Amino acid sequence: MPHLPTRRDCLSLLALPALGAAVLPARAQSQAPAPAYTQPLRIVLPFAPGGPTDMMARAISKSMSQTLGQPVVVDNKPGGGGLVAFAEVQRAPADGYTLAFPSILAVTNPALMPKYPYETLRDFTPVTVVGFIPHVLAVRTEHPAKSLADLVATARAKPDSVTYASSGNGTSAHLAAALLASEAKVSMLHVPYKGAGPALTDLLSGQVECMFLDTNSAIPQIRAGKLRALAAAPRRRIALLPDVPTVAEQGYPNFDVHGWYGLLARAGTPEPMVNLLHNAVRIALATPEVREQFRGAAVDAGGMPPAEYREIIRNDLVKWKTLVDRLQIKLD
């Protein structure tokens, strides 16, 4: 005799469509398309065309275009210590299509400018460091100081007798030398210039004693025998100057100054888009073409994850704020 469906069987059959409906959203979610860019991206550069910063942005943009499947345009917006570029990014939607390419000014200017309109880690989302440009403390080859200890000894014996140049108040060269003087507990005289070019000219002619120079500017003069490198500013030795000891190695373990350039998106940019950007930069930095361009400009490639870049920014904000407040450094 055929089996007749019971009341329980009928209720089970009626429940099947509902069960299927409950499973479908989870299955559809697991098969959701990966995030992707669907229109051109823009990197807003707070510097004029030319120079190592412009080179870095343009070097990675070609590879990023290939990885992301969309054009990546570099847009130069100099002015205001990076504020013009930051304003461009803040006016754009928080979707990862408009990016800032800041320098260390993003962590020094908040300390130097009482009414600075942005909080870097509140208003922007770190993507990654694109490149590091190390600095080196140099004197002309005729200078009597053969080491950092010699220079410090002179400054200690005759306060303010050692002059140091910079490209202006609040620049990385100024703050690096001020930090060194603070760590060594000596007084040196700051001589600010309107740009790195005039400062380097007077360093070479002996008008000033020393200067923290980026490797892009320093290495050609060192190789030409016009400058002597006394110390590297980063905690690790500079790859292109392996025989130059760091400031930290020479008795000042807390000294660590690094010039960096990276990518910031507007705060609120979805994490999947930030990760796409980070991956695209990482791929670009690994290409032989970009590596060769960076090597020729004495730039160390970055590429660390967003969380690590965030920590670099956080630490630098504290370091420079502490120094600026203690020494009461002000912009002109």
C-alpha atoms as a PDB file:
ATOM      1  CA  MET A   1       0.000   0.000   0.000  1.00  0.00           C
ATOM      2  CA  PRO A   2       1.509   3.375  -1.008  1.00  0.00           C
ATOM      3  CA  HIS A   3       2.729   5.623   1.756  1.00  0.00           C
ATOM      4  CA  LEU A   4       0.414   8.595   2.258  1.00  0.00           C
ATOM      5  CA  PRO A   5       2.097  11.895   3.346  1.00  0.00           C
ATOM      6  CA  THR A   6       1.522  12.719   6.952  1.00  0.00           C
ATOM      7  CA  ARG A   7       0.765  16.215   8.287  1.00  0.00           C
ATOM      8  CA  ARG A   8       4.455  16.475   9.390  1.00  0.00           C
ATOM      9  CA  ASP A   9       5.622  15.633   5.833  1.00  0.00           C
ATOM     10  CA  CYS A  10       3.440  18.356   4.377  1.00  0.00           C
ATOM     11  CA  LEU A  11       4.722  20.969   6.803  1.00  0.00           C
ATOM     12  CA  SER A  12       8.341  20.000   5.986  1.00  0.00           C
ATOM     13  CA  LEU A  13       7.686  20.420   2.263  1.00  0.00           C
ATOM     14  CA  LEU A  14       6.127  23.817   2.823  1.00  0.00           C
ATOM     15  CA  ALA A  15       9.222  24.924   4.786  1.00  0.00           C
ATOM     16  CA  LEU A  16      11.692  24.110   1.995  1.00  0.00           C
ATOM     17  CA  PRO A  17      11.190  27.340  -0.029  1.00  0.00           C
ATOM     18  CA  ALA A  18      11.712  29.436   3.083  1.00  0.00           C
ATOM     19  CA  LEU A  19      14.868  27.487   3.904  1.00  0.00           C
ATOM     20  CA  GLY A  20      16.162  28.058   0.399  1.00  0.00           C
ATOM     21  CA  ALA A  21      15.466  31.762   0.684  1.00  0.00           C
ATOM     22  CA  ALA A  22      17.448  31.888   3.930  1.00  0.00           C
ATOM     23  CA  VAL A  23      20.448  30.144   2.340  1.00  0.00           C
ATOM     24  CA  LEU A  24      20.535  32.227  -0.831  1.00  0.00           C
ATOM     25  CA  PRO A  25      21.655  35.546   0.716  1.00  0.00           C
ATOM     26  CA  ALA A  26      24.628  33.872   2.398  1.00  0.00           C
ATOM     27  CA  ARG A  27      25.585  32.149  -0.857  1.00  0.00           C
ATOM     28  CA  ALA A  28      25.151  35.360  -2.832  1.00  0.00           C
ATOM     29  CA  GLN A  29      27.230  37.207  -0.268  1.00  0.00           C
ATOM     30  CA  SER A  30      30.056  34.683  -0.591  1.00  0.00           C
ATOM     31  CA  GLN A  31      30.024  35.233  -4.357  1.00  0.00           C
ATOM     32  CA  ALA A  32      29.881  39.062  -4.171  1.00  0.00           C
ATOM     33  CA  PRO A  33      32.160  40.676  -6.746  1.00  0.00           C
ATOM     34  CA  ALA A  34      35.506  41.950  -5.508  1.00  0.00           C
ATOM     35  CA  PRO A  35      35.832  45.763  -5.281  1.00  0.00           C
ATOM     36  CA  ALA A  36      37.231  47.386  -8.388  1.00  0.00           C
ATOM     37  CA  TYR A  37      37.938  50.842  -9.765  1.00  0.00           C
ATOM     38  CA  THR A  38      35.637  51.936 -12.582  1.00  0.00           C
ATOM     39  CA  GLN A  39      36.966  55.418 -13.396  1.00  0.00           C
ATOM     40  CA  PRO A  40      40.301  57.305 -13.417  1.00  0.00           C
ATOM     41  CA  LEU A  41      42.141  57.997 -10.170  1.00  0.00           C
ATOM     42  CA  ARG A  42      43.952  61.195  -9.239  1.00  0.00           C
ATOM     43  CA  ILE A  43      47.099  61.597  -7.115  1.00  0.00           C
ATOM     44  CA  VAL A  44      47.264  65.186  -5.849  1.00  0.00           C
ATOM     45  CA  LEU A  45      50.890  66.201  -5.373  1.00  0.00           C
ATOM     46  CA  PRO A  46      51.673  69.162  -3.063  1.00  0.00           C
ATOM     47  CA  PHE A  47      54.794  70.014  -5.082  1.00  0.00           C
ATOM     48  CA  ALA A  48      55.604  71.562  -8.445  1.00  0.00           C
ATOM     49  CA  PRO A  49      56.555  69.294 -11.368  1.00  0.00           C
ATOM     50  CA  GLY A  50      60.126  68.036 -11.373  1.00  0.00           C
ATOM     51  CA  GLY A  51      62.263  66.745  -8.541  1.00  0.00           C
ATOM     52  CA  PRO A  52      62.289  63.388  -6.761  1.00  0.00           C
ATOM     53  CA  THR A  53      58.760  63.684  -5.344  1.00  0.00           C
ATOM     54  CA  ASP A  54      57.204  64.235  -8.750  1.00  0.00           C
ATOM     55  CA  MET A  55      59.329  61.402 -10.109  1.00  0.00           C
ATOM     56  CA  MET A  56      58.058  58.983  -7.452  1.00  0.00           C
ATOM     57  CA  ALA A  57      54.395  59.744  -8.087  1.00  0.00           C
ATOM     58  CA  ARG A  58      54.732  59.449 -11.852  1.00  0.00           C
ATOM     59  CA  ALA A  59      56.886  56.330 -11.602  1.00  0.00           C
ATOM     60  CA  ILE A  60      54.227  54.373  -9.713  1.00  0.00           C
ATOM     61  CA  SER A  61      51.228  55.792 -11.596  1.00  0.00           C
ATOM     62  CA  LYS A  62      51.875  53.797 -14.790  1.00  0.00           C
ATOM     63  CA  SER A  63      52.060  50.464 -12.998  1.00  0.00           C
ATOM     64  CA  MET A  64      49.090  51.333 -10.786  1.00  0.00           C
ATOM     65  CA  SER A  65      47.048  52.046 -13.919  1.00  0.00           C
ATOM     66  CA  GLN A  66      47.802  48.572 -15.224  1.00  0.00           C
ATOM     67  CA  THR A  67      46.991  46.889 -11.915  1.00  0.00           C
ATOM     68  CA  LEU A  68      43.774  48.806 -11.249  1.00  0.00           C
ATOM     69  CA  GLY A  69      42.599  48.895 -14.868  1.00  0.00           C
ATOM     70  CA  GLN A  70      42.085  52.667 -14.832  1.00  0.00           C
ATOM     71  CA  PRO A  71      44.238  55.728 -15.635  1.00  0.00           C
ATOM     72  CA  VAL A  72      46.088  57.204 -12.640  1.00  0.00           C
ATOM     73  CA  VAL A  73      46.666  60.934 -13.160  1.00  0.00           C
ATOM     74  CA  VAL A  74      49.258  62.963 -11.208  1.00  0.00           C
ATOM     75  CA  ASP A  75      47.943  66.460 -10.452  1.00  0.00           C
ATOM     76  CA  ASN A  76      50.483  68.993  -9.118  1.00  0.00           C
ATOM     77  CA  LYS A  77      48.902  71.364  -6.561  1.00  0.00           C
ATOM     78  CA  PRO A  78      51.748  73.118  -4.700  1.00  0.00           C
ATOM     79  CA  GLY A  79      51.224  75.728  -2.015  1.00  0.00           C
ATOM     80  CA  GLY A  80      50.464  76.241   1.646  1.00  0.00           C
ATOM     81  CA  GLY A  81      52.829  73.563   2.907  1.00  0.00           C
ATOM     82  CA  GLY A  82      50.589  70.869   1.434  1.00  0.00           C
ATOM     83  CA  LEU A  83      47.296  72.489   2.429  1.00  0.00           C
ATOM     84  CA  VAL A  84      46.222  73.148  -1.168  1.00  0.00           C
ATOM     85  CA  ALA A  85      46.599  69.468  -2.024  1.00  0.00           C
ATOM     86  CA  PHE A  86      44.891  68.345   1.184  1.00  0.00           C
ATOM     87  CA  ALA A  87      41.935  70.621   0.438  1.00  0.00           C
ATOM     88  CA  GLU A  88      41.535  68.952  -2.970  1.00  0.00           C
ATOM     89  CA  VAL A  89      41.303  65.543  -1.346  1.00  0.00           C
ATOM     90  CA  GLN A  90      38.903  66.764   1.342  1.00  0.00           C
ATOM     91  CA  ARG A  91      36.541  68.161  -1.313  1.00  0.00           C
ATOM     92  CA  ALA A  92      36.388  64.803  -3.077  1.00  0.00           C
ATOM     93  CA  PRO A  93      34.225  61.853  -1.996  1.00  0.00           C
ATOM     94  CA  ALA A  94      35.740  59.319   0.414  1.00  0.00           C
ATOM     95  CA  ASP A  95      35.882  56.618  -2.257  1.00  0.00           C
ATOM     96  CA  GLY A  96      39.612  56.201  -2.907  1.00  0.00           C
ATOM     97  CA  TYR A  97      39.611  57.933  -6.296  1.00  0.00           C
ATOM     98  CA  THR A  98      41.390  61.118  -5.107  1.00  0.00           C
ATOM     99  CA  LEU A  99      44.592  60.684  -3.111  1.00  0.00           C
ATOM    100  CA  ALA A 100      47.123  62.981  -1.459  1.00  0.00           C
ATOM    101  CA  PHE A 101      50.857  62.399  -1.861  1.00  0.00           C
ATOM    102  CA  PRO A 102      52.213  64.120   1.262  1.00  0.00           C
ATOM    103  CA  SER A 103      55.701  64.446   2.638  1.00  0.00           C
ATOM    104  CA  ILE A 104      56.861  64.621   6.233  1.00  0.00           C
ATOM    105  CA  LEU A 105      55.148  68.047   6.272  1.00  0.00           C
ATOM    106  CA  ALA A 106      51.975  66.134   7.114  1.00  0.00           C
ATOM    107  CA  VAL A 107      53.417  65.469  10.569  1.00  0.00           C
ATOM    108  CA  THR A 108      55.569  68.570  11.117  1.00  0.00           C
ATOM    109  CA  ASN A 109      53.123  71.280  10.034  1.00  0.00           C
ATOM    110  CA  PRO A 110      50.475  70.326  12.614  1.00  0.00           C
ATOM    111  CA  ALA A 111      53.109  71.063  15.285  1.00  0.00           C
ATOM    112  CA  LEU A 112      54.360  74.267  13.656  1.00  0.00           C
ATOM    113  CA  MET A 113      51.045  75.853  12.660  1.00  0.00           C
ATOM    114  CA  PRO A 114      48.744  76.714  15.601  1.00  0.00           C
ATOM    115  CA  LYS A 115      45.657  76.843  13.383  1.00  0.00           C
ATOM    116  CA  TYR A 116      46.475  73.887  11.173  1.00  0.00           C
ATOM    117  CA  PRO A 117      43.083  72.881   9.719  1.00  0.00           C
ATOM    118  CA  TYR A 118      43.584  69.105   9.632  1.00  0.00           C
ATOM    119  CA  GLU A 119      44.384  66.259  11.978  1.00  0.00           C
ATOM    120  CA  THR A 120      46.310  63.865   9.791  1.00  0.00           C
ATOM    121  CA  LEU A 121      45.039  60.622  11.324  1.00  0.00           C
ATOM    122  CA  ARG A 122      41.504  61.921  11.829  1.00  0.00           C
ATOM    123  CA  ASP A 123      40.945  63.431   8.400  1.00  0.00           C
ATOM    124  CA  PHE A 124      42.956  61.010   6.229  1.00  0.00           C
ATOM    125  CA  THR A 125      43.409  57.273   5.858  1.00  0.00           C
ATOM    126  CA  PRO A 126      47.011  56.053   5.422  1.00  0.00           C
ATOM    127  CA  VAL A 127      47.575  53.780   2.412  1.00  0.00           C
ATOM    128  CA  THR A 128      51.334  53.227   2.339  1.00  0.00           C
ATOM    129  CA  VAL A 129      54.720  54.937   2.176  1.00  0.00           C
ATOM    130  CA  VAL A 130      55.859  55.153  -1.435  1.00  0.00           C
ATOM    131  CA  GLY A 131      59.451  56.117  -0.754  1.00  0.00           C
ATOM    132  CA  PHE A 132      61.947  57.230   1.859  1.00  0.00           C
ATOM    133  CA  ILE A 133      64.570  59.865   1.060  1.00  0.00           C
ATOM    134  CA  PRO A 134      67.193  59.631   3.815  1.00  0.00           C
ATOM    135  CA  HIS A 135      69.122  62.655   5.082  1.00  0.00           C
ATOM    136  CA  VAL A 136      72.803  62.927   5.873  1.00  0.00           C
ATOM    137  CA  LEU A 137      74.692  65.512   7.929  1.00  0.00           C
ATOM    138  CA  ALA A 138      77.459  66.959   5.767  1.00  0.00           C
ATOM    139  CA  VAL A 139      80.238  69.531   5.914  1.00  0.00           C
ATOM    140  CA  ARG A 140      82.496  70.747   3.133  1.00  0.00           C
ATOM    141  CA  THR A 141      85.631  68.644   2.705  1.00  0.00           C
ATOM    142  CA  GLU A 142      87.887  71.464   3.966  1.00  0.00           C
ATOM    143  CA  HIS A 143      86.010  71.641   7.276  1.00  0.00           C
ATOM    144  CA  PRO A 144      88.130  70.614  10.277  1.00  0.00           C
ATOM    145  CA  ALA A 145      85.415  68.289  11.669  1.00  0.00           C
ATOM    146  CA  LYS A 146      86.176  64.730  10.603  1.00  0.00           C
ATOM    147  CA  SER A 147      83.336  63.187  12.635  1.00  0.00           C
ATOM    148  CA  LEU A 148      80.091  64.037  14.361  1.00  0.00           C
ATOM    149  CA  ALA A 149      81.978  64.029  17.671  1.00  0.00           C
ATOM    150  CA  ASP A 150      84.317  66.746  16.354  1.00  0.00           C
ATOM    151  CA  LEU A 151      81.385  68.936  15.330  1.00  0.00           C
ATOM    152  CA  VAL A 152      79.614  68.479  18.670  1.00  0.00           C
ATOM    153  CA  ALA A 153      82.819  69.212  20.588  1.00  0.00           C
ATOM    154  CA  THR A 154      83.214  72.531  18.762  1.00  0.00           C
ATOM    155  CA  ALA A 155      79.579  73.454  19.432  1.00  0.00           C
ATOM    156  CA  ARG A 156      79.991  72.577  23.102  1.00  0.00           C
ATOM    157  CA  ALA A 157      83.191  74.599  23.472  1.00  0.00           C
ATOM    158  CA  LYS A 158      81.823  77.644  21.641  1.00  0.00           C
ATOM    159  CA  PRO A 159      78.024  77.872  21.748  1.00  0.00           C
ATOM    160  CA  ASP A 160      76.449  79.100  18.495  1.00  0.00           C
ATOM    161  CA  SER A 161      79.801  78.987  16.713  1.00  0.00           C
ATOM    162  CA  VAL A 162      78.574  76.088  14.559  1.00  0.00           C
ATOM    163  CA  THR A 163      76.081  77.297  11.958  1.00  0.00           C
ATOM    164  CA  TYR A 164      73.712  74.989  10.116  1.00  0.00           C
ATOM    165  CA  ALA A 165      71.749  75.726   6.969  1.00  0.00           C
ATOM    166  CA  SER A 166      68.222  74.715   6.019  1.00  0.00           C
ATOM    167  CA  SER A 167      65.764  75.457   3.241  1.00  0.00           C
ATOM    168  CA  GLY A 168      63.591  77.369   5.714  1.00  0.00           C
ATOM    169  CA  ASN A 169      62.096  77.373   9.181  1.00  0.00           C
ATOM    170  CA  GLY A 170      60.247  74.173   9.994  1.00  0.00           C
ATOM    171  CA  THR A 171      61.733  72.155   7.142  1.00  0.00           C
ATOM    172  CA  SER A 172      63.108  68.674   7.728  1.00  0.00           C
ATOM    173  CA  ALA A 173      66.704  69.970   7.547  1.00  0.00           C
ATOM    174  CA  HIS A 174      65.938  72.531  10.243  1.00  0.00           C
ATOM    175  CA  LEU A 175      64.143  70.106  12.541  1.00  0.00           C
ATOM    176  CA  ALA A 176      66.782  67.389  12.133  1.00  0.00           C
ATOM    177  CA  ALA A 177      69.580  69.759  13.175  1.00  0.00           C
ATOM    178  CA  ALA A 178      67.479  71.157  16.022  1.00  0.00           C
ATOM    179  CA  LEU A 179      66.832  67.622  17.251  1.00  0.00           C
ATOM    180  CA  LEU A 180      70.554  66.811  17.079  1.00  0.00           C
ATOM    181  CA  ALA A 181      71.450  69.925  19.074  1.00  0.00           C
ATOM    182  CA  SER A 182      68.801  69.013  21.630  1.00  0.00           C
ATOM    183  CA  GLU A 183      70.034  65.434  21.972  1.00  0.00           C
ATOM    184  CA  ALA A 184      73.690  66.569  22.218  1.00  0.00           C
ATOM    185  CA  LYS A 185      72.760  69.396  24.597  1.00  0.00           C
ATOM    186  CA  VAL A 186      74.590  72.021  22.559  1.00  0.00           C
ATOM    187  CA  SER A 187      73.582  75.308  20.945  1.00  0.00           C
ATOM    188  CA  MET A 188      74.046  75.715  17.194  1.00  0.00           C
ATOM    189  CA  LEU A 189      72.981  78.671  15.062  1.00  0.00           C
ATOM    190  CA  HIS A 190      70.261  78.114  12.481  1.00  0.00           C
ATOM    191  CA  VAL A 191      70.613  79.927   9.147  1.00  0.00           C
ATOM    192  CA  PRO A 192      67.392  79.490   7.112  1.00  0.00           C
ATOM    193  CA  TYR A 193      67.355  79.993   3.331  1.00  0.00           C
ATOM    194  CA  LYS A 194      64.588  80.324   0.778  1.00  0.00           C
ATOM    195  CA  GLY A 195      65.089  76.901  -0.703  1.00  0.00           C
ATOM    196  CA  ALA A 196      67.570  74.029  -0.625  1.00  0.00           C
ATOM    197  CA  GLY A 197      69.544  75.319  -3.610  1.00  0.00           C
ATOM    198  CA  PRO A 198      70.815  78.552  -1.995  1.00  0.00           C
ATOM    199  CA  ALA A 199      71.491  76.681   1.254  1.00  0.00           C
ATOM    200  CA  LEU A 200      73.634  74.095  -0.533  1.00  0.00           C
ATOM    201  CA  THR A 201      75.511  76.826  -2.416  1.00  0.00           C
ATOM    202  CA  ASP A 202      76.497  78.542   0.828  1.00  0.00           C
ATOM    203  CA  LEU A 203      77.419  75.226   2.436  1.00  0.00           C
ATOM    204  CA  LEU A 204      79.795  74.481  -0.432  1.00  0.00           C
ATOM    205  CA  SER A 205      81.314  77.960  -0.268  1.00  0.00           C
ATOM    206  CA  GLY A 206      81.863  77.799   3.492  1.00  0.00           C
ATOM    207  CA  GLN A 207      79.318  80.435   4.491  1.00  0.00           C
ATOM    208  CA  VAL A 208      77.736  77.897   6.858  1.00  0.00           C
ATOM    209  CA  GLU A 209      79.276  74.967   8.710  1.00  0.00           C
ATOM    210  CA  CYS A 210      76.948  72.045   8.107  1.00  0.00           C
ATOM    211  CA  MET A 211      73.552  70.914   6.857  1.00  0.00           C
ATOM    212  CA  PHE A 212      71.266  67.905   6.832  1.00  0.00           C
ATOM    213  CA  LEU A 213      70.824  67.158   3.116  1.00  0.00           C
ATOM    214  CA  ASP A 214      68.649  64.586   1.399  1.00  0.00           C
ATOM    215  CA  THR A 215      70.701  61.912  -0.333  1.00  0.00           C
ATOM    216  CA  ASN A 216      69.488  63.039  -3.742  1.00  0.00           C
ATOM    217  CA  SER A 217      71.324  66.335  -3.222  1.00  0.00           C
ATOM    218  CA  ALA A 218      74.194  65.122  -1.047  1.00  0.00           C
ATOM    219  CA  ILE A 219      75.527  62.051  -2.829  1.00  0.00           C
ATOM    220  CA  PRO A 220      76.658  63.798  -6.050  1.00  0.00           C
ATOM    221  CA  GLN A 221      78.575  66.367  -3.960  1.00  0.00           C
ATOM    222  CA  ILE A 222      80.077  63.653  -1.750  1.00  0.00           C
ATOM    223  CA  ARG A 223      81.188  61.625  -4.770  1.00  0.00           C
ATOM    224  CA  ALA A 224      82.658  64.761  -6.328  1.00  0.00           C
ATOM    225  CA  GLY A 225      84.763  65.286  -3.207  1.00  0.00           C
ATOM    226  CA  LYS A 226      83.081  68.564  -2.280  1.00  0.00           C
ATOM    227  CA  LEU A 227      81.239  67.392   0.843  1.00  0.00           C
ATOM    228  CA  ARG A 228      82.079  65.018   3.692  1.00  0.00           C
ATOM    229  CA  ALA A 229      79.290  63.011   5.282  1.00  0.00           C
ATOM    230  CA  LEU A 230      79.502  62.917   9.083  1.00  0.00           C
ATOM    231  CA  ALA A 231      76.349  61.018   9.971  1.00  0.00           C
ATOM    232  CA  ALA A 232      73.243  59.403   8.508  1.00  0.00           C
ATOM    233  CA  ALA A 233      69.954  60.588   9.973  1.00  0.00           C
ATOM    234  CA  PRO A 234      67.905  57.330   9.877  1.00  0.00           C
ATOM    235  CA  ARG A 235      68.344  54.646  12.513  1.00  0.00           C
ATOM    236  CA  ARG A 236      69.807  52.327   9.870  1.00  0.00           C
ATOM    237  CA  ARG A 237      72.732  53.151   7.621  1.00  0.00           C
ATOM    238  CA  ILE A 238      71.977  54.478   4.161  1.00  0.00           C
ATOM    239  CA  ALA A 239      72.435  51.820   1.470  1.00  0.00           C
ATOM    240  CA  LEU A 240      74.260  54.168  -0.913  1.00  0.00           C
ATOM    241  CA  LEU A 241      76.512  55.437   1.910  1.00  0.00           C
ATOM    242  CA  PRO A 242      77.256  52.227   3.827  1.00  0.00           C
ATOM    243  CA  ASP A 243      80.444  53.572   5.439  1.00  0.00           C
ATOM    244  CA  VAL A 244      78.702  56.566   7.030  1.00  0.00           C
ATOM    245  CA  PRO A 245      77.632  55.773  10.612  1.00  0.00           C
ATOM    246  CA  THR A 246      74.234  56.904  11.823  1.00  0.00           C
ATOM    247  CA  VAL A 247      73.703  59.601  14.428  1.00  0.00           C
ATOM    248  CA  ALA A 248      72.283  56.884  16.691  1.00  0.00           C
ATOM    249  CA  GLU A 249      75.464  54.833  16.360  1.00  0.00           C
ATOM    250  CA  GLN A 250      77.539  57.816  17.411  1.00  0.00           C
ATOM    251  CA  GLY A 251      76.068  58.249  20.845  1.00  0.00           C
ATOM    252  CA  TYR A 252      72.487  59.473  20.332  1.00  0.00           C
ATOM    253  CA  PRO A 253      70.312  56.343  20.309  1.00  0.00           C
ATOM    254  CA  ASN A 254      67.009  58.228  20.258  1.00  0.00           C
ATOM    255  CA  PHE A 255      67.854  60.057  17.030  1.00  0.00           C
ATOM    256  CA  ASP A 256      65.946  58.768  14.013  1.00  0.00           C
ATOM    257  CA  VAL A 257      64.933  61.134  11.218  1.00  0.00           C
ATOM    258  CA  HIS A 258      63.550  59.882   7.930  1.00  0.00           C
ATOM    259  CA  GLY A 259      61.949  61.827   5.115  1.00  0.00           C
ATOM    260  CA  TRP A 260      59.009  59.913   3.682  1.00  0.00           C
ATOM    261  CA  TYR A 261      56.446  60.368   0.926  1.00  0.00           C
ATOM    262  CA  GLY A 262      53.263  58.347   0.819  1.00  0.00           C
ATOM    263  CA  LEU A 263      49.640  58.054  -0.169  1.00  0.00           C
ATOM    264  CA  LEU A 264      46.726  59.244   1.961  1.00  0.00           C
ATOM    265  CA  ALA A 265      43.061  58.757   1.115  1.00  0.00           C
ATOM    266  CA  ARG A 266      40.248  60.755   2.645  1.00  0.00           C
ATOM    267  CA  ALA A 267      39.033  59.445   6.004  1.00  0.00           C
ATOM    268  CA  GLY A 268      36.109  57.071   5.561  1.00  0.00           C
ATOM    269  CA  THR A 269      37.465  55.461   2.400  1.00  0.00           C
ATOM    270  CA  PRO A 270      36.281  51.824   2.445  1.00  0.00           C
ATOM    271  CA  GLU A 271      38.954  49.398   3.629  1.00  0.00           C
ATOM    272  CA  PRO A 272      38.695  47.181   0.503  1.00  0.00           C
ATOM    273  CA  MET A 273      39.577  50.196  -1.687  1.00  0.00           C
ATOM    274  CA  VAL A 274      42.491  51.110   0.607  1.00  0.00           C
ATOM    275  CA  ASN A 275      43.772  47.543   0.339  1.00  0.00           C
ATOM    276  CA  LEU A 276      43.463  47.659  -3.457  1.00  0.00           C
ATOM    277  CA  LEU A 277      45.542  50.842  -3.512  1.00  0.00           C
ATOM    278  CA  HIS A 278      48.179  49.411  -1.203  1.00  0.00           C
ATOM    279  CA  ASN A 279      48.475  46.295  -3.347  1.00  0.00           C
ATOM    280  CA  ALA A 280      48.793  48.374  -6.528  1.00  0.00           C
ATOM    281  CA  VAL A 281      51.605  50.465  -5.013  1.00  0.00           C
ATOM    282  CA  ARG A 282      53.368  47.361  -3.733  1.00  0.00           C
ATOM    283  CA  ILE A 283      53.279  45.829  -7.214  1.00  0.00           C
ATOM    284  CA  ALA A 284      54.551  49.085  -8.753  1.00  0.00           C
ATOM    285  CA  LEU A 285      57.493  49.295  -6.348  1.00  0.00           C
ATOM    286  CA  ALA A 286      58.530  45.751  -7.287  1.00  0.00           C
ATOM    287  CA  THR A 287      58.804  46.454 -11.022  1.00  0.00           C
ATOM    288  CA  PRO A 288      62.356  46.741 -12.407  1.00  0.00           C
ATOM    289  CA  GLU A 289      61.560  50.087 -14.062  1.00  0.00           C
ATOM    290  CA  VAL A 290      60.401  51.738 -10.840  1.00  0.00           C
ATOM    291  CA  ARG A 291      63.214  50.178  -8.810  1.00  0.00           C
ATOM    292  CA  GLU A 292      65.764  51.588 -11.232  1.00  0.00           C
ATOM    293  CA  GLN A 293      64.215  55.062 -11.133  1.00  0.00           C
ATOM    294  CA  PHE A 294      64.164  55.050  -7.350  1.00  0.00           C
ATOM    295  CA  ARG A 295      67.748  53.815  -7.136  1.00  0.00           C
ATOM    296  CA  GLY A 296      68.923  56.561  -9.471  1.00  0.00           C
ATOM    297  CA  ALA A 297      67.280  59.193  -7.270  1.00  0.00           C
ATOM    298  CA  ALA A 298      68.612  57.682  -4.008  1.00  0.00           C
ATOM    299  CA  VAL A 299      65.071  56.792  -2.887  1.00  0.00           C
ATOM    300  CA  ASP A 300      64.358  53.755  -0.699  1.00  0.00           C
ATOM    301  CA  ALA A 301      61.080  52.074  -1.644  1.00  0.00           C
ATOM    302  CA  GLY A 302      58.272  51.771   0.907  1.00  0.00           C
ATOM    303  CA  GLY A 303      55.219  49.583   0.418  1.00  0.00           C
ATOM    304  CA  MET A 304      54.385  48.638   4.011  1.00  0.00           C
ATOM    305  CA  PRO A 305      50.766  47.874   4.989  1.00  0.00           C
ATOM    306  CA  PRO A 306      48.409  50.738   5.911  1.00  0.00           C
ATOM    307  CA  ALA A 307      48.576  49.908   9.636  1.00  0.00           C
ATOM    308  CA  GLU A 308      52.362  50.242   9.651  1.00  0.00           C
ATOM    309  CA  TYR A 309      52.210  53.576   7.810  1.00  0.00           C
ATOM    310  CA  ARG A 310      49.654  54.770  10.355  1.00  0.00           C
ATOM    311  CA  GLU A 311      52.103  53.925  13.145  1.00  0.00           C
ATOM    312  CA  ILE A 312      54.906  55.879  11.406  1.00  0.00           C
ATOM    313  CA  ILE A 313      52.635  58.920  11.199  1.00  0.00           C
ATOM    314  CA  ARG A 314      51.515  58.549  14.811  1.00  0.00           C
ATOM    315  CA  ASN A 315      55.093  58.341  16.119  1.00  0.00           C
ATOM    316  CA  ASP A 316      56.291  61.267  13.992  1.00  0.00           C
ATOM    317  CA  LEU A 317      53.403  63.464  15.113  1.00  0.00           C
ATOM    318  CA  VAL A 318      54.416  62.947  18.741  1.00  0.00           C
ATOM    319  CA  LYS A 319      58.154  63.358  18.096  1.00  0.00           C
ATOM    320  CA  TRP A 320      57.941  66.642  16.198  1.00  0.00           C
ATOM    321  CA  LYS A 321      55.233  68.114  18.410  1.00  0.00           C
ATOM    322  CA  THR A 322      57.404  67.430  21.460  1.00  0.00           C
ATOM    323  CA  LEU A 323      60.476  69.027  19.863  1.00  0.00           C
ATOM    324  CA  VAL A 324      58.649  72.080  18.498  1.00  0.00           C
ATOM    325  CA  ASP A 325      56.971  72.766  21.840  1.00  0.00           C
ATOM    326  CA  ARG A 326      60.180  72.300  23.846  1.00  0.00           C
ATOM    327  CA  LEU A 327      62.281  74.559  21.616  1.00  0.00           C
ATOM    328  CA  GLN A 328      59.393  76.916  20.763  1.00  0.00           C
ATOM    329  CA  ILE A 329      60.138  76.654  17.035  1.00  0.00           C
ATOM    330  CA  LYS A 330      57.917  78.879  14.917  1.00  0.00           C
ATOM    331  CA  LEU A 331      57.381  79.443  11.221  1.00  0.00           C
ATOM    332  CA  ASP A 332      58.156  82.877   9.747  1.00  0.00           C
END
